[in-house]
Amino acid sequence: MSPQRPSSPPPALPRESVIQQVLACFDAYARVHGTRDSILPASRVTPREEQRAFDELRHAIERLRDTTEEDSPSGRPDRGGDGGR
């Protein structure tokens, strides 16, 4: 008898979940971008597919920024010692 797995993994912290989404989107974009100029025709992707992967990455980064802004005490992300600029 195999060990029982829970039906779903334990819920991740919202920010951790968003970070995982960014990493997954980055990996997907990197794969798509890397196959753009493949010598194998079946491996090539269209510019539309590459743009879709890039857009998904951009949206994931925006969600991460939104999460960071929500976590920041002032409602704005900490930008280091540059006075917010």
C-alpha atoms as a PDB file:
ATOM      1  CA  MET A   1       0.000   0.000   0.000  1.00  0.00           C
ATOM      2  CA  SER A   2       1.450   3.373  -0.954  1.00  0.00           C
ATOM      3  CA  PRO A   3       1.586   6.284   1.483  1.00  0.00           C
ATOM      4  CA  GLN A   4      -1.336   8.647   1.267  1.00  0.00           C
ATOM      5  CA  ARG A   5      -0.619  12.107  -0.051  1.00  0.00           C
ATOM      6  CA  PRO A   6      -2.747  15.054   0.971  1.00  0.00           C
ATOM      7  CA  SER A   7      -5.085  16.161  -1.789  1.00  0.00           C
ATOM      8  CA  SER A   8      -3.271  19.488  -1.978  1.00  0.00           C
ATOM      9  CA  PRO A   9      -0.014  20.824  -0.568  1.00  0.00           C
ATOM     10  CA  PRO A  10      -0.217  22.979   2.529  1.00  0.00           C
ATOM     11  CA  PRO A  11      -1.092  26.555   1.597  1.00  0.00           C
ATOM     12  CA  ALA A  12       1.967  28.682   1.004  1.00  0.00           C
ATOM     13  CA  LEU A  13       2.289  32.149   2.361  1.00  0.00           C
ATOM     14  CA  PRO A  14       0.758  34.548  -0.171  1.00  0.00           C
ATOM     15  CA  ARG A  15       4.084  36.222  -0.897  1.00  0.00           C
ATOM     16  CA  GLU A  16       5.883  32.886  -1.136  1.00  0.00           C
ATOM     17  CA  SER A  17       3.236  31.668  -3.568  1.00  0.00           C
ATOM     18  CA  VAL A  18       3.640  34.775  -5.727  1.00  0.00           C
ATOM     19  CA  ILE A  19       7.422  34.335  -5.720  1.00  0.00           C
ATOM     20  CA  GLN A  20       6.954  30.743  -6.909  1.00  0.00           C
ATOM     21  CA  GLN A  21       4.714  32.023  -9.712  1.00  0.00           C
ATOM     22  CA  VAL A  22       7.380  34.524 -10.793  1.00  0.00           C
ATOM     23  CA  LEU A  23      10.021  31.798 -10.856  1.00  0.00           C
ATOM     24  CA  ALA A  24       7.771  29.468 -12.846  1.00  0.00           C
ATOM     25  CA  CYS A  25       6.953  32.216 -15.356  1.00  0.00           C
ATOM     26  CA  PHE A  26      10.624  33.131 -15.677  1.00  0.00           C
ATOM     27  CA  ASP A  27      11.533  29.492 -16.361  1.00  0.00           C
ATOM     28  CA  ALA A  28       8.780  29.245 -18.967  1.00  0.00           C
ATOM     29  CA  TYR A  29       9.890  32.472 -20.657  1.00  0.00           C
ATOM     30  CA  ALA A  30      13.543  31.379 -20.619  1.00  0.00           C
ATOM     31  CA  ARG A  31      12.596  28.079 -22.308  1.00  0.00           C
ATOM     32  CA  VAL A  32      10.462  29.822 -24.923  1.00  0.00           C
ATOM     33  CA  HIS A  33      13.101  32.484 -25.563  1.00  0.00           C
ATOM     34  CA  GLY A  34      15.816  29.830 -25.838  1.00  0.00           C
ATOM     35  CA  THR A  35      13.918  27.902 -28.501  1.00  0.00           C
ATOM     36  CA  ARG A  36      13.160  30.996 -30.535  1.00  0.00           C
ATOM     37  CA  ASP A  37      16.086  30.409 -32.874  1.00  0.00           C
ATOM     38  CA  SER A  38      16.205  26.621 -32.659  1.00  0.00           C
ATOM     39  CA  ILE A  39      17.570  24.770 -35.667  1.00  0.00           C
ATOM     40  CA  LEU A  40      14.803  22.188 -35.243  1.00  0.00           C
ATOM     41  CA  PRO A  41      11.598  23.498 -36.823  1.00  0.00           C
ATOM     42  CA  ALA A  42       9.379  21.541 -34.421  1.00  0.00           C
ATOM     43  CA  SER A  43      11.088  23.211 -31.445  1.00  0.00           C
ATOM     44  CA  ARG A  44      10.660  26.780 -32.651  1.00  0.00           C
ATOM     45  CA  VAL A  45       8.102  29.061 -31.101  1.00  0.00           C
ATOM     46  CA  THR A  46       6.194  31.865 -32.709  1.00  0.00           C
ATOM     47  CA  PRO A  47       6.696  35.493 -31.736  1.00  0.00           C
ATOM     48  CA  ARG A  48       3.152  35.371 -30.328  1.00  0.00           C
ATOM     49  CA  GLU A  49       4.070  32.478 -27.985  1.00  0.00           C
ATOM     50  CA  GLU A  50       7.187  34.306 -26.837  1.00  0.00           C
ATOM     51  CA  GLN A  51       5.177  37.482 -26.214  1.00  0.00           C
ATOM     52  CA  ARG A  52       2.555  35.541 -24.245  1.00  0.00           C
ATOM     53  CA  ALA A  53       5.263  34.018 -22.006  1.00  0.00           C
ATOM     54  CA  PHE A  54       6.824  37.465 -21.507  1.00  0.00           C
ATOM     55  CA  ASP A  55       3.436  38.999 -20.651  1.00  0.00           C
ATOM     56  CA  GLU A  56       2.765  36.253 -18.094  1.00  0.00           C
ATOM     57  CA  LEU A  57       6.168  36.928 -16.519  1.00  0.00           C
ATOM     58  CA  ARG A  58       5.467  40.663 -16.418  1.00  0.00           C
ATOM     59  CA  HIS A  59       2.072  40.112 -14.757  1.00  0.00           C
ATOM     60  CA  ALA A  60       3.606  37.759 -12.186  1.00  0.00           C
ATOM     61  CA  ILE A  61       6.217  40.404 -11.343  1.00  0.00           C
ATOM     62  CA  GLU A  62       3.456  43.017 -10.977  1.00  0.00           C
ATOM     63  CA  ARG A  63       1.609  40.703  -8.552  1.00  0.00           C
ATOM     64  CA  LEU A  64       4.836  40.301  -6.571  1.00  0.00           C
ATOM     65  CA  ARG A  65       5.291  44.075  -6.430  1.00  0.00           C
ATOM     66  CA  ASP A  66       1.691  44.462  -5.249  1.00  0.00           C
ATOM     67  CA  THR A  67       2.309  41.883  -2.518  1.00  0.00           C
ATOM     68  CA  THR A  68       5.497  43.683  -1.485  1.00  0.00           C
ATOM     69  CA  GLU A  69       3.640  46.998  -1.290  1.00  0.00           C
ATOM     70  CA  GLU A  70       0.975  45.413   0.916  1.00  0.00           C
ATOM     71  CA  ASP A  71       3.683  44.034   3.261  1.00  0.00           C
ATOM     72  CA  SER A  72       5.524  47.345   3.535  1.00  0.00           C
ATOM     73  CA  PRO A  73       4.567  49.372   6.658  1.00  0.00           C
ATOM     74  CA  SER A  74       4.159  52.572   4.671  1.00  0.00           C
ATOM     75  CA  GLY A  75       2.323  50.842   1.831  1.00  0.00           C
ATOM     76  CA  ARG A  76       5.316  51.377  -0.423  1.00  0.00           C
ATOM     77  CA  PRO A  77       8.149  48.965  -1.098  1.00  0.00           C
ATOM     78  CA  ASP A  78      11.449  49.612   0.607  1.00  0.00           C
ATOM     79  CA  ARG A  79      13.789  50.907  -2.044  1.00  0.00           C
ATOM     80  CA  GLY A  80      16.927  50.983   0.054  1.00  0.00           C
ATOM     81  CA  GLY A  81      18.907  54.047   0.963  1.00  0.00           C
ATOM     82  CA  ASP A  82      18.070  56.056  -2.126  1.00  0.00           C
ATOM     83  CA  GLY A  83      15.187  57.961  -0.527  1.00  0.00           C
ATOM     84  CA  GLY A  84      12.564  56.083  -2.554  1.00  0.00           C
ATOM     85  CA  ARG A  85      14.026  57.075  -5.879  1.00  0.00           C
END
